Protein backbone atom coordinates (compact mmCIF):
# COMPACT_ATOMS: atom_id res chain seq x y z
CA MET A 1 82.20 58.22 79.17
CA ASN A 2 80.26 59.89 76.42
CA GLY A 3 78.64 62.28 79.00
CA VAL A 4 82.12 63.30 80.15
CA ARG A 5 83.37 63.87 76.70
CA LEU A 6 80.27 66.08 76.07
CA GLN A 7 80.84 67.93 79.36
CA VAL A 8 84.52 68.65 78.55
CA ALA A 9 83.73 69.65 75.01
CA GLY A 10 81.19 71.95 76.40
CA VAL A 11 83.63 73.41 78.84
CA VAL A 12 86.31 73.80 76.22
CA LEU A 13 83.89 75.45 73.89
CA ALA A 14 82.46 77.74 76.55
CA ALA A 15 86.09 78.58 77.70
CA ALA A 16 87.08 79.38 74.08
CA LEU A 17 84.07 81.62 73.65
CA ALA A 18 84.80 83.24 77.03
CA GLY A 19 88.49 83.82 76.15
CA SER A 20 87.52 85.29 72.82
CA GLY A 21 85.22 87.81 74.66
CA CYS A 22 82.05 86.48 72.78
CA VAL A 23 80.18 85.37 76.02
CA SER A 24 80.04 86.54 79.57
CA THR A 25 80.63 84.47 82.65
CA GLY A 26 76.83 84.24 83.32
CA GLU A 27 76.17 83.01 79.76
CA PHE A 28 78.88 80.45 80.06
CA GLU A 29 77.53 79.07 83.32
CA LYS A 30 74.04 79.00 81.75
CA LEU A 31 75.43 77.08 78.67
CA GLN A 32 77.16 74.70 80.82
CA ALA A 33 74.07 73.93 82.93
CA ASP A 34 72.03 73.32 79.77
CA LYS A 35 74.67 70.90 78.49
CA ASN A 36 74.69 69.11 81.82
CA GLN A 37 70.97 68.89 81.63
CA GLU A 38 70.99 67.52 78.18
CA ILE A 39 73.75 64.99 79.29
CA ASP A 40 71.51 64.00 82.27
CA SER A 41 68.49 63.57 79.93
CA LEU A 42 70.49 61.33 77.58
CA GLN A 43 71.83 59.14 80.41
CA LYS A 44 68.33 58.67 81.72
CA GLN A 45 67.03 57.67 78.26
CA ARG A 46 70.05 55.31 78.00
CA ALA A 47 69.23 53.82 81.40
CA GLY A 48 65.58 53.35 80.37
CA LEU A 49 66.51 51.67 77.28
CA GLU A 50 68.84 49.27 79.08
CA GLN A 51 66.03 48.53 81.48
CA GLN A 52 63.74 47.78 78.64
CA THR A 53 66.28 45.51 77.07
CA ARG A 54 66.68 43.62 80.34
CA GLU A 55 62.86 43.23 80.62
CA LEU A 56 62.65 42.01 76.91
CA GLN A 57 65.37 39.45 77.58
CA SER A 58 63.60 38.38 80.68
CA GLN A 59 60.30 38.11 78.76
CA ARG A 60 62.02 36.22 75.99
CA LYS A 61 63.49 33.66 78.55
CA THR A 62 60.04 33.25 80.14
CA LEU A 63 58.41 32.68 76.70
CA GLU A 64 61.12 30.11 75.77
CA GLU A 65 60.52 28.38 79.01
CA GLN A 66 56.75 28.31 78.46
CA ARG A 67 57.38 27.14 74.81
CA ALA A 68 59.46 24.21 76.23
CA VAL A 69 56.74 23.31 78.74
CA LEU A 70 54.13 23.32 75.88
CA GLU A 71 56.29 21.09 73.80
CA ARG A 72 56.76 18.60 76.58
CA GLN A 73 52.99 18.56 77.09
CA GLN A 74 52.35 18.09 73.49
CA GLY A 75 54.83 15.22 73.55
CA ASP A 76 52.94 13.72 76.48
CA LEU A 77 49.63 14.00 74.77
CA ARG A 78 50.92 12.47 71.74
CA GLY A 79 52.27 9.40 73.71
CA GLN A 80 48.88 9.25 75.49
CA LEU A 81 46.99 9.28 72.17
CA ALA A 82 49.28 6.57 70.80
CA THR A 83 48.60 4.38 73.96
CA LEU A 84 44.89 5.03 73.73
CA ALA A 85 44.88 3.98 70.07
CA GLN A 86 46.72 0.92 71.00
CA GLN A 87 44.30 0.07 73.75
CA LYS A 88 41.37 0.68 71.45
CA ALA A 89 42.78 -1.60 68.78
CA GLN A 90 43.37 -4.18 71.48
CA LEU A 91 39.82 -3.94 72.74
CA GLU A 92 38.48 -4.11 69.25
CA ALA A 93 40.46 -7.20 68.63
CA ALA A 94 39.30 -8.76 71.95
CA ASN A 95 35.69 -7.96 71.01
CA GLN A 96 36.15 -9.61 67.65
CA GLN A 97 37.54 -12.58 69.30
CA THR A 98 34.88 -12.79 71.91
CA LYS A 99 32.22 -12.51 69.05
CA SER A 100 33.88 -15.33 67.13
CA GLN A 101 34.09 -17.40 70.20
CA TYR A 102 30.35 -16.75 70.82
CA ASP A 103 29.38 -17.62 67.24
CA GLY A 104 31.66 -20.74 67.46
CA LEU A 105 29.98 -21.92 70.67
CA VAL A 106 26.49 -21.23 69.34
CA SER A 107 27.44 -23.19 66.14
CA ASN A 108 28.64 -26.07 68.23
CA LEU A 109 25.49 -26.17 70.23
CA THR A 110 22.98 -25.32 67.47
CA GLU A 111 20.88 -28.34 68.01
CA GLU A 112 20.53 -27.93 71.70
CA VAL A 113 19.81 -24.30 71.40
CA LYS A 114 17.02 -25.03 68.83
CA LYS A 115 15.48 -27.58 71.12
CA GLY A 116 15.42 -24.97 73.96
CA GLN A 117 17.69 -27.24 76.22
CA LEU A 118 19.95 -24.34 76.78
CA GLN A 119 20.70 -20.79 76.03
CA VAL A 120 24.04 -19.12 75.06
CA ARG A 121 24.42 -15.60 76.08
CA GLN A 122 27.18 -12.97 75.72
CA TYR A 123 27.83 -10.15 78.11
CA LYS A 124 30.81 -7.99 77.38
CA ASP A 125 33.82 -10.40 77.34
CA MET A 126 31.99 -13.26 79.02
CA LEU A 127 30.15 -16.23 77.53
CA THR A 128 27.49 -18.13 79.45
CA VAL A 129 25.83 -21.39 78.68
CA GLU A 130 22.56 -21.42 80.75
CA VAL A 131 20.95 -24.85 81.29
CA ALA A 132 17.55 -25.52 82.85
CA GLU A 133 17.72 -27.64 86.03
CA GLN A 134 15.21 -30.25 84.79
CA LEU A 135 17.63 -31.25 81.93
CA PHE A 136 20.32 -32.07 84.49
CA PHE A 137 18.74 -32.93 87.72
CA ASP A 138 15.64 -34.38 89.32
CA SER A 139 13.84 -32.16 91.86
CA GLY A 140 15.91 -31.91 95.06
CA LYS A 141 18.77 -34.08 93.58
CA ALA A 142 22.31 -33.48 92.76
CA ALA A 143 23.00 -36.53 90.56
CA LEU A 144 23.27 -35.95 86.72
CA LYS A 145 20.42 -37.41 84.76
CA ASP A 146 21.29 -39.38 81.53
CA SER A 147 19.79 -36.60 79.35
CA GLY A 148 21.92 -33.99 81.24
CA LYS A 149 25.16 -36.10 80.72
CA GLU A 150 24.52 -36.21 76.93
CA VAL A 151 24.11 -32.52 76.64
CA LEU A 152 26.98 -31.71 79.10
CA LYS A 153 29.38 -33.99 77.26
CA LYS A 154 28.71 -31.90 74.11
CA VAL A 155 29.00 -28.68 76.21
CA GLY A 156 32.39 -29.95 77.45
CA GLU A 157 33.71 -30.74 73.98
CA ALA A 158 32.68 -27.16 72.84
CA LEU A 159 34.47 -25.53 75.84
CA LYS A 160 37.76 -27.41 75.51
CA GLY A 161 38.90 -25.11 72.82
CA TYR A 162 38.88 -21.96 74.91
CA GLU A 163 42.14 -22.46 76.83
CA ASP A 164 42.38 -18.69 77.48
CA LYS A 165 39.24 -18.73 79.51
CA ILE A 166 38.28 -19.88 83.14
CA ILE A 167 35.16 -21.90 83.24
CA ARG A 168 32.93 -20.88 86.12
CA VAL A 169 30.00 -23.15 87.08
CA VAL A 170 27.25 -21.62 89.27
CA GLY A 171 24.25 -23.44 90.67
CA HIS A 172 20.90 -21.69 91.20
CA THR A 173 17.54 -22.66 92.69
CA ASP A 174 14.11 -21.20 93.33
CA ASN A 175 12.97 -19.91 96.67
CA VAL A 176 10.98 -23.02 97.74
CA PRO A 177 12.70 -24.25 101.00
CA ILE A 178 14.43 -27.58 101.09
CA ALA A 179 15.44 -29.41 104.22
CA THR A 180 16.82 -33.03 103.75
CA SER A 181 19.48 -34.90 105.47
CA GLN A 182 21.74 -34.37 102.53
CA PHE A 183 20.81 -30.77 101.79
CA PRO A 184 19.75 -28.62 104.71
CA SER A 185 19.02 -25.77 102.38
CA ASN A 186 19.10 -24.55 98.85
CA TRP A 187 22.70 -23.30 99.46
CA GLU A 188 23.96 -26.78 99.85
CA LEU A 189 21.90 -28.02 96.87
CA SER A 190 23.12 -25.38 94.52
CA VAL A 191 26.75 -25.92 95.48
CA ALA A 192 26.36 -29.75 94.95
CA ARG A 193 24.87 -29.32 91.66
CA ALA A 194 27.74 -27.06 90.46
CA THR A 195 30.35 -29.34 91.80
CA THR A 196 28.71 -32.35 90.08
CA VAL A 197 28.86 -30.43 86.78
CA VAL A 198 32.45 -29.52 87.19
CA ARG A 199 33.46 -33.06 88.11
CA PHE A 200 31.80 -34.37 84.90
CA LEU A 201 33.66 -31.67 82.82
CA GLN A 202 36.86 -32.77 84.41
CA GLY A 203 36.05 -36.34 83.40
CA SER A 204 35.45 -35.11 79.92
CA GLY A 205 39.00 -33.97 79.66
CA ILE A 206 38.82 -30.26 80.78
CA PRO A 207 41.74 -29.42 83.29
CA PRO A 208 40.36 -28.77 86.73
CA GLU A 209 42.60 -25.75 87.24
CA ARG A 210 40.55 -24.01 84.56
CA MET A 211 37.26 -24.47 86.49
CA THR A 212 35.47 -23.11 89.54
CA ALA A 213 32.30 -24.25 91.21
CA SER A 214 29.98 -22.24 93.35
CA GLY A 215 26.25 -22.09 94.44
CA ARG A 216 24.07 -18.99 94.74
CA GLY A 217 20.97 -20.68 96.08
CA GLU A 218 17.83 -18.78 95.53
CA TYR A 219 19.62 -15.36 95.85
CA SER A 220 20.26 -14.58 92.26
CA PRO A 221 16.98 -14.99 90.33
CA ILE A 222 16.37 -14.04 86.88
CA ALA A 223 12.58 -14.07 87.21
CA PRO A 224 10.02 -13.57 90.01
CA ASN A 225 9.42 -16.76 92.17
CA ASP A 226 5.69 -15.82 92.21
CA ASP A 227 4.55 -18.53 89.90
CA ALA A 228 5.70 -21.90 88.50
CA ASP A 229 7.02 -20.55 85.33
CA GLY A 230 9.25 -18.08 87.22
CA ARG A 231 10.58 -20.67 89.54
CA ARG A 232 11.37 -22.92 86.70
CA LYS A 233 13.52 -20.19 85.18
CA ASN A 234 15.42 -19.64 88.37
CA ARG A 235 16.42 -23.45 88.71
CA ARG A 236 19.26 -23.36 86.36
CA ILE A 237 23.05 -24.03 85.92
CA GLU A 238 25.24 -21.21 84.57
CA ILE A 239 28.51 -22.24 82.87
CA THR A 240 30.47 -19.05 82.13
CA LEU A 241 33.59 -18.47 80.02
CA VAL A 242 35.61 -15.77 81.81
CA ASP A 243 38.87 -14.24 80.62
CA ARG A 244 41.62 -15.27 82.93
CA ASN A 245 42.59 -11.68 83.91
CA LEU A 246 39.01 -10.79 84.65
CA ALA A 247 38.64 -13.98 86.68
CA GLN A 248 41.67 -13.07 88.80
CA GLU A 249 40.12 -9.58 89.40
CA ILE A 250 36.81 -11.16 90.55
CA GLN A 251 38.65 -13.45 92.87
CA GLU A 252 40.65 -10.61 94.39
CA LYS A 253 37.45 -8.67 94.91
CA GLU A 254 35.84 -11.71 96.56
CA ARG A 255 38.78 -11.93 98.92
CA ARG A 256 38.32 -8.33 100.21
């Protein structure tokens, strides 16, 4: 519209000048062509500016979208950090609880630990009472000795307070073969001994649903079976306190 007005104004001006006899027809046409060229140049500049405006608006929209994406990502990261902080606090609390339980168990069994009758070990969130075979059983037998009953009764009293734990009893032997009418191999002997311990603990007042019994025979040694001392260490009963959730995970893995 502005270009038309300029063109009309130029024509009127040129006509006026021509009418007054100030310019010739050739000069008039040249003046009109110059004005048209100027108008075209201005229109091109205007079109260029409009294109730049559209591009800037598009860039602005893109930047706003990117900003929104970044804000969402920052929100997600803040949420993840909060979750990790909560998990860390829970782990620290669980570790502190496990340490307190470990200290309490050792305190309850201090006399037996000092005598070397058993060992209490902590591994991550598990507590294990390890008892030498000779304290509980005669060689090749699965019946509890009187000395074993006394110690196991005290162990049972110490374990009663950990209601959030599963008690896993595992029997172990050395690699010396056994073949009797009652125990054809070390497998059967180790399972029978673990079952004997579980039955005794049940009789001491520990709910049976909190306990499991299994035997590993000679296949989980803690020392070489090359000499008498190593074989003695391998003949043992392990009573392990396991978190209920961890116990469920272990059972699920064993089923697979």
